[in-house]
Amino acid sequence: MFYLSKIEHKLTLPPYLLTLPIREAILSELERLFLDKVIAKLGLCISVYDIISIKGGSVFPGDGAPTYLAVFNLIMFRPFTGEIITAKLIRSDANGLRLSLGFFDDIYIPKHHMPDPSHYVSTTSTSKTGTWYWDYGEESFAIGDSEEIKFAVQSVSYPPIPVEQPKDSKPFAPMVVNGSLNQDGLGPIAWW
């Protein structure tokens, strides 16, 4: 779920940071550039773990800020396919579930990955929300009544940035995790 990724990056240090010790100034700029950002194929940056090396400090003609080459490690969130993760329910609708880890909210369980058999009951006739129920024998268990839901990661995708986004579409997510409440051949994953 969490990885260390070694990155080499050339950065220009803004003049207002030059009053700080160089390591502290570069750490501050790296955090501004990378924290809470998604890097395609690497995942979501959680933290700058450490700075391995700093080279340079050159001031180029016409530029009043020094440029450095920093090598550093980032702690990245990138779940792997098949990993079991525990998350909290944000929303339940006819298309499935949306879950959150607290720091990452773009986790979706589509209706075709709900436990089999299961059904959806809308809260009201005009509401777009409701509750999914897992049918087990003679009983139905509400999915989402518990504090946490365990799911298996089916895929992690990095959609391309849209050139134009329709007004009524959901906000763009640079990383999307699709999950399942079924384990192939093993039945539903216990979500409580």
Protein backbone atom coordinates (compact mmCIF):
# COMPACT_ATOMS: atom_id res chain seq x y z
CA MET A 1 0.00 0.00 0.00
CA PHE A 2 2.84 2.40 0.83
CA TYR A 3 6.12 2.55 -1.10
CA LEU A 4 9.33 4.52 -1.04
CA SER A 5 10.04 6.06 -4.43
CA LYS A 6 13.43 7.56 -5.22
CA ILE A 7 13.06 10.76 -7.28
CA GLU A 8 15.58 13.09 -8.90
CA HIS A 9 14.22 16.57 -9.48
CA LYS A 10 15.67 19.92 -10.59
CA LEU A 11 14.07 22.74 -8.65
CA THR A 12 14.42 26.49 -8.46
CA LEU A 13 14.43 27.73 -4.88
CA PRO A 14 12.27 30.86 -4.39
CA PRO A 15 14.22 33.79 -2.89
CA TYR A 16 12.00 33.97 0.24
CA LEU A 17 13.35 30.52 1.29
CA LEU A 18 17.02 31.58 1.07
CA THR A 19 17.00 32.75 4.71
CA LEU A 20 16.56 29.10 5.85
CA PRO A 21 19.30 26.46 6.00
CA ILE A 22 19.56 24.89 2.51
CA ARG A 23 18.24 21.42 3.49
CA GLU A 24 15.25 22.93 5.28
CA ALA A 25 14.53 25.29 2.36
CA ILE A 26 14.68 22.47 -0.19
CA LEU A 27 12.50 20.22 2.00
CA SER A 28 9.92 23.01 2.21
CA GLU A 29 9.90 23.44 -1.58
CA LEU A 30 9.72 19.66 -2.22
CA GLU A 31 6.73 19.40 0.13
CA ARG A 32 5.02 22.27 -1.69
CA LEU A 33 5.64 20.60 -5.06
CA PHE A 34 4.83 16.96 -4.23
CA LEU A 35 2.65 16.53 -1.10
CA ASP A 36 -0.94 15.44 -1.84
CA LYS A 37 -0.16 15.19 -5.56
CA VAL A 38 -0.58 12.09 -7.74
CA ILE A 39 2.34 11.01 -9.89
CA ALA A 40 1.17 8.66 -12.65
CA LYS A 41 2.25 5.04 -12.10
CA LEU A 42 3.76 5.95 -8.69
CA GLY A 43 0.67 6.95 -6.72
CA LEU A 44 -0.31 9.65 -4.23
CA CYS A 45 2.56 11.40 -2.42
CA ILE A 46 2.06 11.18 1.35
CA SER A 47 5.36 12.58 2.61
CA VAL A 48 8.95 13.49 1.75
CA TYR A 49 10.81 10.71 3.58
CA ASP A 50 14.36 12.01 3.25
CA ILE A 51 16.73 14.00 1.07
CA ILE A 52 19.60 11.86 -0.24
CA SER A 53 21.67 14.53 -1.98
CA ILE A 54 21.62 18.16 -3.07
CA LYS A 55 23.79 19.44 -5.92
CA GLY A 56 24.07 22.75 -7.66
CA GLY A 57 22.95 26.11 -6.44
CA SER A 58 23.63 27.73 -9.77
CA VAL A 59 22.02 31.06 -10.60
CA PHE A 60 21.30 31.25 -14.32
CA PRO A 61 21.43 34.54 -16.28
CA GLY A 62 18.14 36.45 -16.05
CA ASP A 63 16.98 34.40 -13.04
CA GLY A 64 17.36 35.58 -9.44
CA ALA A 65 16.83 32.19 -7.82
CA PRO A 66 19.30 29.32 -7.42
CA THR A 67 18.60 25.98 -9.12
CA TYR A 68 19.39 22.71 -7.35
CA LEU A 69 19.31 19.04 -8.31
CA ALA A 70 17.81 17.09 -5.40
CA VAL A 71 17.64 13.32 -5.01
CA PHE A 72 15.08 12.26 -2.40
CA ASN A 73 12.63 9.55 -1.33
CA LEU A 74 8.86 10.05 -1.26
CA ILE A 75 6.37 7.90 0.64
CA MET A 76 3.71 7.02 -1.92
CA PHE A 77 0.25 5.47 -1.53
CA ARG A 78 -0.34 2.92 -4.30
CA PRO A 79 -2.43 -0.16 -3.45
CA PHE A 80 -1.75 -3.35 -5.39
CA THR A 81 -4.31 -5.57 -7.10
CA GLY A 82 -5.70 -8.14 -4.67
CA GLU A 83 -4.77 -6.17 -1.56
CA ILE A 84 -7.43 -6.13 1.18
CA ILE A 85 -8.00 -2.61 2.53
CA THR A 86 -10.34 -1.27 5.21
CA ALA A 87 -12.17 2.00 4.43
CA LYS A 88 -15.21 4.01 5.49
CA LEU A 89 -18.36 4.48 3.45
CA ILE A 90 -18.89 7.95 1.96
CA ARG A 91 -21.85 7.29 -0.34
CA SER A 92 -24.07 4.45 -1.46
CA ASP A 93 -26.07 4.77 -4.69
CA ALA A 94 -27.49 2.59 -7.45
CA ASN A 95 -24.06 2.45 -9.16
CA GLY A 96 -22.29 1.06 -6.08
CA LEU A 97 -20.29 2.42 -3.16
CA ARG A 98 -17.77 5.22 -2.70
CA LEU A 99 -15.24 4.72 0.10
CA SER A 100 -12.62 6.81 1.89
CA LEU A 101 -9.36 6.12 3.70
CA GLY A 102 -9.42 9.59 5.26
CA PHE A 103 -6.56 10.87 3.10
CA PHE A 104 -7.86 9.38 -0.17
CA ASP A 105 -11.52 9.42 -1.28
CA ASP A 106 -11.52 8.05 -4.84
CA ILE A 107 -12.31 4.40 -4.07
CA TYR A 108 -15.28 2.89 -5.88
CA ILE A 109 -17.04 -0.47 -5.56
CA PRO A 110 -19.17 -0.79 -8.74
CA LYS A 111 -22.47 -2.69 -8.52
CA HIS A 112 -21.07 -5.66 -10.47
CA HIS A 113 -18.48 -6.13 -7.69
CA MET A 114 -21.03 -6.15 -4.86
CA PRO A 115 -21.58 -9.45 -3.00
CA ASP A 116 -23.64 -11.95 -4.98
CA PRO A 117 -26.59 -11.97 -4.35
CA SER A 118 -27.22 -8.40 -3.26
CA HIS A 119 -29.77 -5.70 -3.95
CA TYR A 120 -30.12 -1.93 -3.67
CA VAL A 121 -32.91 -0.06 -1.90
CA SER A 122 -33.31 3.67 -2.59
CA THR A 123 -33.95 5.90 0.44
CA THR A 124 -36.75 7.82 -1.31
CA SER A 125 -38.16 7.88 -4.82
CA THR A 126 -36.35 11.14 -5.64
CA SER A 127 -33.13 10.37 -3.77
CA LYS A 128 -29.95 9.28 -5.52
CA THR A 129 -28.77 7.57 -2.34
CA GLY A 130 -29.82 4.41 -0.61
CA THR A 131 -28.45 1.23 0.90
CA TRP A 132 -27.01 -1.95 -0.58
CA TYR A 133 -28.00 -5.25 1.06
CA TRP A 134 -26.17 -8.57 0.91
CA ASP A 135 -28.67 -11.42 0.75
CA TYR A 136 -27.43 -14.42 2.71
CA GLY A 137 -29.84 -17.28 3.10
CA GLU A 138 -33.08 -15.91 4.53
CA GLU A 139 -31.51 -12.68 5.82
CA SER A 140 -30.35 -9.40 4.30
CA PHE A 141 -27.42 -7.51 5.78
CA ALA A 142 -27.02 -3.78 5.16
CA ILE A 143 -23.65 -2.87 3.66
CA GLY A 144 -22.43 0.26 5.31
CA ASP A 145 -24.09 0.00 8.71
CA SER A 146 -20.73 -0.90 10.21
CA GLU A 147 -17.88 1.50 10.94
CA GLU A 148 -15.53 0.03 8.30
CA ILE A 149 -15.76 -1.91 5.05
CA LYS A 150 -13.08 -4.32 3.85
CA PHE A 151 -12.62 -4.61 0.10
CA ALA A 152 -10.21 -6.18 -2.36
CA VAL A 153 -8.46 -3.86 -4.81
CA GLN A 154 -9.41 -4.76 -8.40
CA SER A 155 -7.53 -2.03 -10.25
CA VAL A 156 -5.69 1.27 -9.85
CA SER A 157 -5.95 3.67 -12.77
CA TYR A 158 -4.52 7.06 -13.66
CA PRO A 159 -7.04 8.71 -16.02
CA PRO A 160 -5.71 11.33 -18.46
CA ILE A 161 -6.44 14.93 -17.53
CA PRO A 162 -9.53 16.06 -19.46
CA VAL A 163 -9.16 19.03 -21.79
CA GLU A 164 -12.72 20.10 -21.10
CA GLN A 165 -14.98 18.80 -18.35
CA PRO A 166 -18.80 18.95 -18.51
CA LYS A 167 -20.45 21.03 -15.75
CA ASP A 168 -22.50 18.16 -14.31
CA SER A 169 -19.68 15.59 -14.21
CA LYS A 170 -17.95 14.51 -11.00
CA PRO A 171 -14.65 16.23 -10.15
CA PHE A 172 -11.56 14.90 -11.92
CA ALA A 173 -9.61 12.29 -9.93
CA PRO A 174 -5.97 11.73 -11.02
CA MET A 175 -5.94 8.27 -9.39
CA VAL A 176 -8.94 5.95 -9.04
CA VAL A 177 -9.06 2.69 -7.08
CA ASN A 178 -11.76 0.18 -8.04
CA GLY A 179 -12.54 -2.53 -5.53
CA SER A 180 -14.70 -5.55 -4.93
CA LEU A 181 -16.62 -6.96 -1.99
CA ASN A 182 -16.31 -10.44 -3.58
CA GLN A 183 -13.27 -12.66 -3.48
CA ASP A 184 -13.36 -14.73 -6.65
CA GLY A 185 -14.58 -18.19 -5.73
CA LEU A 186 -14.40 -17.53 -1.99
CA GLY A 187 -17.60 -15.60 -1.47
CA PRO A 188 -18.00 -12.11 -0.03
CA ILE A 189 -15.32 -10.39 2.00
CA ALA A 190 -16.56 -9.68 5.53
CA TRP A 191 -16.98 -5.91 5.72
CA TRP A 192 -17.58 -5.74 9.46
